[in-house]
C-alpha atoms as a PDB file:
ATOM      1  CA  VAL A   1      64.202 -37.841  -0.605  1.00  0.00           C
ATOM      2  CA  LYS A   2      67.219 -38.561  -3.600  1.00  0.00           C
ATOM      3  CA  ASP A   3      69.144 -41.301  -2.716  1.00  0.00           C
ATOM      4  CA  LEU A   4      72.601 -42.208  -3.586  1.00  0.00           C
ATOM      5  CA  GLY A   5      71.950 -43.865  -6.987  1.00  0.00           C
ATOM      6  CA  LEU A   6      71.727 -41.684  -9.684  1.00  0.00           C
ATOM      7  CA  SER A   7      69.210 -43.124 -12.034  1.00  0.00           C
ATOM      8  CA  ILE A   8      67.750 -46.204  -9.621  1.00  0.00           C
ATOM      9  CA  GLY A   9      64.746 -46.013  -7.829  1.00  0.00           C
ATOM     10  CA  TYR A  10      61.989 -43.602  -8.144  1.00  0.00           C
ATOM     11  CA  ASP A  11      62.870 -40.617  -5.422  1.00  0.00           C
ATOM     12  CA  ALA A  12      59.359 -40.206  -5.499  1.00  0.00           C
ATOM     13  CA  ALA A  13      56.531 -40.018  -3.158  1.00  0.00           C
ATOM     14  CA  TRP A  14      53.127 -41.527  -3.965  1.00  0.00           C
ATOM     15  CA  ILE A  15      49.628 -40.318  -3.224  1.00  0.00           C
ATOM     16  CA  ASP A  16      46.974 -43.035  -3.624  1.00  0.00           C
ATOM     17  CA  PHE A  17      43.887 -41.399  -2.275  1.00  0.00           C
ATOM     18  CA  ILE A  18      42.368 -38.078  -3.564  1.00  0.00           C
ATOM     19  CA  GLU A  19      39.064 -36.421  -2.674  1.00  0.00           C
ATOM     20  CA  PHE A  20      37.459 -33.765  -4.781  1.00  0.00           C
ATOM     21  CA  PRO A  21      34.886 -31.234  -3.236  1.00  0.00           C
ATOM     22  CA  VAL A  22      31.350 -31.734  -4.724  1.00  0.00           C
ATOM     23  CA  GLN A  23      31.531 -29.581  -8.095  1.00  0.00           C
ATOM     24  CA  GLN A  24      28.920 -26.247  -6.695  1.00  0.00           C
ATOM     25  CA  ARG A  25      26.794 -25.614  -9.828  1.00  0.00           C
ATOM     26  CA  THR A  26      24.775 -22.687 -10.135  1.00  0.00           C
ATOM     27  CA  THR A  27      21.225 -23.242 -10.938  1.00  0.00           C
ATOM     28  CA  ALA A  28      18.311 -20.724 -11.917  1.00  0.00           C
ATOM     29  CA  ASN A  29      14.391 -21.271 -11.849  1.00  0.00           C
ATOM     30  CA  ALA A  30      12.450 -17.870 -11.944  1.00  0.00           C
ATOM     31  CA  GLY A  31       9.141 -19.576 -11.363  1.00  0.00           C
ATOM     32  CA  THR A  32       6.314 -20.966 -12.858  1.00  0.00           C
ATOM     33  CA  ASP A  33       4.691 -18.925 -15.327  1.00  0.00           C
ATOM     34  CA  ALA A  34       1.784 -17.037 -13.709  1.00  0.00           C
ATOM     35  CA  ARG A  35      -1.452 -15.184 -14.445  1.00  0.00           C
ATOM     36  CA  ILE A  36      -2.481 -12.057 -12.560  1.00  0.00           C
ATOM     37  CA  CYS A  37      -5.112  -9.207 -11.829  1.00  0.00           C
ATOM     38  CA  SER A  38      -4.598  -6.738 -14.283  1.00  0.00           C
ATOM     39  CA  GLY A  39      -3.420  -3.761 -12.082  1.00  0.00           C
ATOM     40  CA  ASN A  40      -1.771  -5.964  -9.490  1.00  0.00           C
ATOM     41  CA  SER A  41       2.253  -6.536  -8.690  1.00  0.00           C
ATOM     42  CA  PHE A  42       3.609  -9.999  -8.880  1.00  0.00           C
ATOM     43  CA  GLN A  43       6.202 -11.524  -6.819  1.00  0.00           C
ATOM     44  CA  PRO A  44       7.863 -14.841  -8.495  1.00  0.00           C
ATOM     45  CA  ASP A  45       8.459 -18.177  -6.685  1.00  0.00           C
ATOM     46  CA  ALA A  46      11.915 -17.884  -7.828  1.00  0.00           C
ATOM     47  CA  ILE A  47      14.865 -20.224  -6.637  1.00  0.00           C
ATOM     48  CA  ALA A  48      18.761 -20.084  -7.026  1.00  0.00           C
ATOM     49  CA  THR A  49      21.631 -21.492  -5.804  1.00  0.00           C
ATOM     50  CA  ASN A  50      25.458 -21.029  -5.844  1.00  0.00           C
ATOM     51  CA  TYR A  51      25.495 -17.822  -7.675  1.00  0.00           C
ATOM     52  CA  LEU A  52      27.535 -14.148  -7.317  1.00  0.00           C
ATOM     53  CA  THR A  53      25.280 -12.014  -8.662  1.00  0.00           C
ATOM     54  CA  LEU A  54      21.581 -12.128  -9.670  1.00  0.00           C
ATOM     55  CA  LYS A  55      19.521  -9.349 -11.774  1.00  0.00           C
ATOM     56  CA  TRP A  56      15.827  -9.368 -13.124  1.00  0.00           C
ATOM     57  CA  SER A  57      15.478  -7.972 -16.587  1.00  0.00           C
ATOM     58  CA  THR A  58      11.828  -8.024 -18.500  1.00  0.00           C
ATOM     59  CA  SER A  59      10.681  -8.011 -22.046  1.00  0.00           C
ATOM     60  CA  GLY A  60       8.422  -5.446 -21.080  1.00  0.00           C
ATOM     61  CA  SER A  61       8.577  -1.879 -19.932  1.00  0.00           C
ATOM     62  CA  GLY A  62       7.305  -2.791 -16.094  1.00  0.00           C
ATOM     63  CA  PHE A  63       9.718  -2.499 -13.295  1.00  0.00           C
ATOM     64  CA  PHE A  64      11.180  -4.041 -10.447  1.00  0.00           C
ATOM     65  CA  ASN A  65      11.145  -2.776  -6.505  1.00  0.00           C
ATOM     66  CA  ASP A  66      14.675  -4.349  -6.692  1.00  0.00           C
ATOM     67  CA  PRO A  67      16.091  -6.252  -9.755  1.00  0.00           C
ATOM     68  CA  GLY A  68      19.043  -7.599  -7.765  1.00  0.00           C
ATOM     69  CA  ILE A  69      17.253  -9.825  -5.110  1.00  0.00           C
ATOM     70  CA  ILE A  70      15.474 -13.384  -5.741  1.00  0.00           C
ATOM     71  CA  ASN A  71      12.055 -12.447  -4.255  1.00  0.00           C
ATOM     72  CA  THR A  72      11.697  -9.229  -6.368  1.00  0.00           C
ATOM     73  CA  LYS A  73       8.025  -7.600  -7.238  1.00  0.00           C
ATOM     74  CA  TYR A  74       7.043  -6.689 -10.805  1.00  0.00           C
ATOM     75  CA  PHE A  75       4.692  -3.996 -10.932  1.00  0.00           C
ATOM     76  CA  PRO A  76       3.603  -3.979 -14.782  1.00  0.00           C
ATOM     77  CA  SER A  77       3.105  -1.418 -16.842  1.00  0.00           C
ATOM     78  CA  PRO A  78      -0.082   0.111 -18.883  1.00  0.00           C
ATOM     79  CA  SER A  79       1.384  -1.218 -22.038  1.00  0.00           C
ATOM     80  CA  ASP A  80       2.385  -4.803 -20.663  1.00  0.00           C
ATOM     81  CA  ILE A  81      -1.207  -5.118 -19.530  1.00  0.00           C
ATOM     82  CA  GLU A  82      -2.340  -3.979 -23.090  1.00  0.00           C
ATOM     83  CA  ALA A  83      -0.147  -6.761 -24.840  1.00  0.00           C
ATOM     84  CA  GLY A  84      -1.468  -9.205 -22.670  1.00  0.00           C
ATOM     85  CA  SER A  85       2.106 -11.047 -21.427  1.00  0.00           C
ATOM     86  CA  VAL A  86       5.291  -9.927 -20.404  1.00  0.00           C
ATOM     87  CA  GLN A  87       8.445 -12.148 -19.998  1.00  0.00           C
ATOM     88  CA  LEU A  88      10.505 -11.829 -16.576  1.00  0.00           C
ATOM     89  CA  ILE A  89      14.233 -13.193 -16.893  1.00  0.00           C
ATOM     90  CA  MET A  90      16.411 -14.022 -13.936  1.00  0.00           C
ATOM     91  CA  THR A  91      20.196 -14.014 -14.877  1.00  0.00           C
ATOM     92  CA  LEU A  92      22.912 -15.378 -12.454  1.00  0.00           C
ATOM     93  CA  THR A  93      26.337 -14.671 -12.356  1.00  0.00           C
ATOM     94  CA  GLY A  94      28.217 -17.840 -11.217  1.00  0.00           C
ATOM     95  CA  TYR A  95      31.652 -18.794  -9.197  1.00  0.00           C
ATOM     96  CA  SER A  96      33.184 -20.513 -12.657  1.00  0.00           C
ATOM     97  CA  TYR A  97      34.526 -17.765 -14.897  1.00  0.00           C
ATOM     98  CA  GLY A  98      32.437 -16.503 -17.807  1.00  0.00           C
ATOM     99  CA  GLU A  99      29.242 -18.628 -15.982  1.00  0.00           C
ATOM    100  CA  ILE A 100      25.912 -17.248 -16.472  1.00  0.00           C
ATOM    101  CA  VAL A 101      22.584 -18.776 -16.111  1.00  0.00           C
ATOM    102  CA  MET A 102      19.168 -17.247 -17.156  1.00  0.00           C
ATOM    103  CA  ASP A 103      15.790 -18.945 -16.496  1.00  0.00           C
ATOM    104  CA  THR A 104      12.337 -16.817 -17.901  1.00  0.00           C
ATOM    105  CA  LEU A 105       8.792 -17.075 -16.933  1.00  0.00           C
ATOM    106  CA  VAL A 106       5.668 -15.546 -18.469  1.00  0.00           C
ATOM    107  CA  LEU A 107       3.265 -13.340 -17.107  1.00  0.00           C
ATOM    108  CA  THR A 108       0.073 -13.012 -18.183  1.00  0.00           C
ATOM    109  CA  PHE A 109      -2.576 -10.600 -17.358  1.00  0.00           C
ATOM    110  CA  ALA A 110      -6.591 -11.283 -16.623  1.00  0.00           C
ATOM    111  CA  PRO A 111      -8.796  -8.364 -17.518  1.00  0.00           C
ATOM    112  CA  LYS A 112      -9.865  -6.361 -14.188  1.00  0.00           C
ATOM    113  CA  PRO A 113     -13.815  -6.598 -13.551  1.00  0.00           C
ATOM    114  CA  VAL A 114     -14.916  -3.639 -13.881  1.00  0.00           C
ATOM    115  CA  LEU A 115     -18.301  -2.198 -11.841  1.00  0.00           C
ATOM    116  CA  TYR A 116     -20.914   0.830 -11.484  1.00  0.00           C
ATOM    117  CA  ALA A 117     -24.257   0.148  -9.922  1.00  0.00           C
ATOM    118  CA  GLY A 118     -25.532   3.599 -11.097  1.00  0.00           C
ATOM    119  CA  PRO A 119     -26.790   6.915  -9.615  1.00  0.00           C
ATOM    120  CA  ASP A 120     -28.564   7.157  -6.325  1.00  0.00           C
ATOM    121  CA  THR A 121     -31.907   7.613  -7.113  1.00  0.00           C
ATOM    122  CA  TYR A 122     -35.167   8.318  -6.135  1.00  0.00           C
ATOM    123  CA  THR A 123     -39.015   6.281  -6.891  1.00  0.00           C
ATOM    124  CA  CYS A 124     -42.362   6.968  -5.919  1.00  0.00           C
ATOM    125  CA  THR A 125     -43.740   4.588  -2.808  1.00  0.00           C
ATOM    126  CA  GLY A 126     -43.658   1.276  -3.567  1.00  0.00           C
ATOM    127  CA  GLU A 127     -43.327   1.722  -6.915  1.00  0.00           C
ATOM    128  CA  VAL A 128     -40.300  -0.959  -8.917  1.00  0.00           C
ATOM    129  CA  PHE A 129     -37.073   0.277 -10.183  1.00  0.00           C
ATOM    130  CA  THR A 130     -35.223  -0.826 -12.759  1.00  0.00           C
ATOM    131  CA  THR A 131     -31.489  -0.838 -12.399  1.00  0.00           C
ATOM    132  CA  SER A 132     -29.311   0.765 -14.917  1.00  0.00           C
ATOM    133  CA  ALA A 133     -25.922  -0.996 -13.656  1.00  0.00           C
ATOM    134  CA  THR A 134     -22.811  -1.252 -15.998  1.00  0.00           C
ATOM    135  CA  ALA A 135     -20.303  -4.129 -15.943  1.00  0.00           C
ATOM    136  CA  THR A 136     -17.224  -5.398 -18.039  1.00  0.00           C
ATOM    137  CA  ASN A 137     -14.665  -8.551 -17.739  1.00  0.00           C
ATOM    138  CA  TYR A 138     -17.052 -10.670 -15.595  1.00  0.00           C
ATOM    139  CA  PHE A 139     -18.711 -13.998 -15.429  1.00  0.00           C
ATOM    140  CA  THR A 140     -20.901 -13.921 -12.845  1.00  0.00           C
ATOM    141  CA  VAL A 141     -23.135 -10.785 -10.899  1.00  0.00           C
ATOM    142  CA  ASN A 142     -25.561 -10.971  -7.787  1.00  0.00           C
ATOM    143  CA  TRP A 143     -27.643  -8.391  -6.326  1.00  0.00           C
ATOM    144  CA  ILE A 144     -28.840  -8.286  -2.606  1.00  0.00           C
ATOM    145  CA  THR A 145     -30.646  -5.340  -0.680  1.00  0.00           C
ATOM    146  CA  GLN A 146     -30.470  -4.013   2.849  1.00  0.00           C
ATOM    147  CA  GLY A 147     -33.798  -4.074   2.840  1.00  0.00           C
ATOM    148  CA  ASP A 148     -36.984  -6.492   2.443  1.00  0.00           C
ATOM    149  CA  GLY A 149     -37.482  -6.155  -1.293  1.00  0.00           C
ATOM    150  CA  ILE A 150     -36.601  -8.365  -3.935  1.00  0.00           C
ATOM    151  CA  PHE A 151     -35.195  -8.843  -7.254  1.00  0.00           C
ATOM    152  CA  SER A 152     -36.820 -10.218 -10.181  1.00  0.00           C
ATOM    153  CA  ASN A 153     -33.608 -11.731 -11.430  1.00  0.00           C
ATOM    154  CA  PRO A 154     -30.363 -10.807  -9.021  1.00  0.00           C
ATOM    155  CA  ASP A 155     -27.986 -12.877 -11.272  1.00  0.00           C
ATOM    156  CA  SER A 156     -28.318 -10.558 -13.827  1.00  0.00           C
ATOM    157  CA  ILE A 157     -26.523  -6.806 -14.474  1.00  0.00           C
ATOM    158  CA  LEU A 158     -29.845  -5.457 -15.380  1.00  0.00           C
ATOM    159  CA  THR A 159     -33.139  -6.306 -13.315  1.00  0.00           C
ATOM    160  CA  VAL A 160     -36.113  -5.055 -11.491  1.00  0.00           C
ATOM    161  CA  TYR A 161     -36.583  -4.226  -7.544  1.00  0.00           C
ATOM    162  CA  THR A 162     -39.789  -4.318  -6.101  1.00  0.00           C
ATOM    163  CA  PRO A 163     -39.361  -2.667  -2.545  1.00  0.00           C
ATOM    164  CA  GLY A 164     -40.730  -3.869   0.713  1.00  0.00           C
ATOM    165  CA  PRO A 165     -42.597  -3.280   3.544  1.00  0.00           C
ATOM    166  CA  GLU A 166     -39.724  -1.896   5.559  1.00  0.00           C
ATOM    167  CA  ASP A 167     -38.417  -0.212   2.384  1.00  0.00           C
ATOM    168  CA  ILE A 168     -41.472   1.803   2.174  1.00  0.00           C
ATOM    169  CA  TYR A 169     -41.761   2.665   6.074  1.00  0.00           C
ATOM    170  CA  LYS A 170     -37.907   3.884   6.020  1.00  0.00           C
ATOM    171  CA  LYS A 171     -38.136   5.415   2.477  1.00  0.00           C
ATOM    172  CA  LYS A 172     -34.803   4.711   1.203  1.00  0.00           C
ATOM    173  CA  THR A 173     -32.779   1.467   0.885  1.00  0.00           C
ATOM    174  CA  ARG A 174     -29.158   0.459  -0.429  1.00  0.00           C
ATOM    175  CA  LEU A 175     -28.897  -1.944  -3.254  1.00  0.00           C
ATOM    176  CA  ILE A 176     -25.583  -3.550  -3.764  1.00  0.00           C
ATOM    177  CA  VAL A 177     -24.217  -5.557  -6.740  1.00  0.00           C
ATOM    178  CA  ASN A 178     -21.078  -7.584  -6.998  1.00  0.00           C
ATOM    179  CA  ILE A 179     -19.627  -9.378  -9.994  1.00  0.00           C
ATOM    180  CA  LYS A 180     -16.758 -11.822 -10.316  1.00  0.00           C
ATOM    181  CA  GLY A 181     -14.166 -12.201 -13.127  1.00  0.00           C
ATOM    182  CA  GLU A 182     -11.707 -14.769 -13.602  1.00  0.00           C
ATOM    183  CA  ASP A 183     -10.678 -16.471 -10.640  1.00  0.00           C
ATOM    184  CA  VAL A 184      -7.061 -14.334 -10.141  1.00  0.00           C
ATOM    185  CA  CYS A 185      -9.036 -11.445 -10.038  1.00  0.00           C
ATOM    186  CA  ALA A 186     -11.027 -10.329  -6.689  1.00  0.00           C
ATOM    187  CA  ARG A 187     -14.979  -9.667  -6.603  1.00  0.00           C
ATOM    188  CA  VAL A 188     -15.661  -5.723  -7.249  1.00  0.00           C
ATOM    189  CA  TYR A 189     -18.722  -4.271  -5.292  1.00  0.00           C
ATOM    190  CA  ASP A 190     -20.590  -1.355  -5.644  1.00  0.00           C
ATOM    191  CA  THR A 191     -23.704   0.322  -4.321  1.00  0.00           C
ATOM    192  CA  LEU A 192     -26.987   2.766  -5.077  1.00  0.00           C
ATOM    193  CA  LEU A 193     -29.154   3.961  -2.733  1.00  0.00           C
ATOM    194  CA  LEU A 194     -32.487   3.868  -3.296  1.00  0.00           C
ATOM    195  CA  ASN A 195     -35.035   6.343  -2.081  1.00  0.00           C
ATOM    196  CA  ASN A 196     -39.357   6.265  -1.686  1.00  0.00           C
ATOM    197  CA  MET A 197     -40.736   9.744  -2.215  1.00  0.00           C
END
C-alpha cells in the first residue's frame, strides 16, 4: 500500500518462498534391438513419458497395425526380410514448444526353417527305406516313427529306416521329421506315410 511519503520506504510486498513444479520431460525408449524369425510380426517393448503425440515409422517397407500407439505391432515386408534388418523409429511430440524426441531400435531377421519330409511312398514288405527329405536353415534334425522300426541315424536329414514287425503287420507307418533353426524360430515338423506291400 502506498504511504504518504513520496520516495521514502519500499511500498512493496516481498515473496520469500517460491516452489516450482517438477519439470515434466518427454522421454522415449523404442525398446531393445531384437531378432525375430522371418514371417513373424514384432511388438516392441517401448516406453514413453509426458508426450502429446506418438508416431512409429520404419526405414523399411513393412507396416504397423497402428503407428499412433506405443504397443503397436510391426509386420515386416518381404524386402525387409531380404535386407536382413530394419529400423523402427518412435517419434514423440512433447509439451514444450518445438520439443521432438526420437528413439530407434534395430530389428533383424533369422531365416525361417523349411522342411519337406518327402512324398508318401511304398516299399516291399520288410525292405529298408531311404529318406529323401529336404531342409534348409536348420541346425538340428530328428526322425521318429509311429511304428516300431529303427532309423540308422535319426539325427540326419537323409537316413535309412528299417521297418519293425508291427510296421510289417500293419502294412504302414508314419515317419515324422522335425528340424530346429535359430532359437527365435519354432520347430518345424513334417510327416510321410510309408506303406509296406
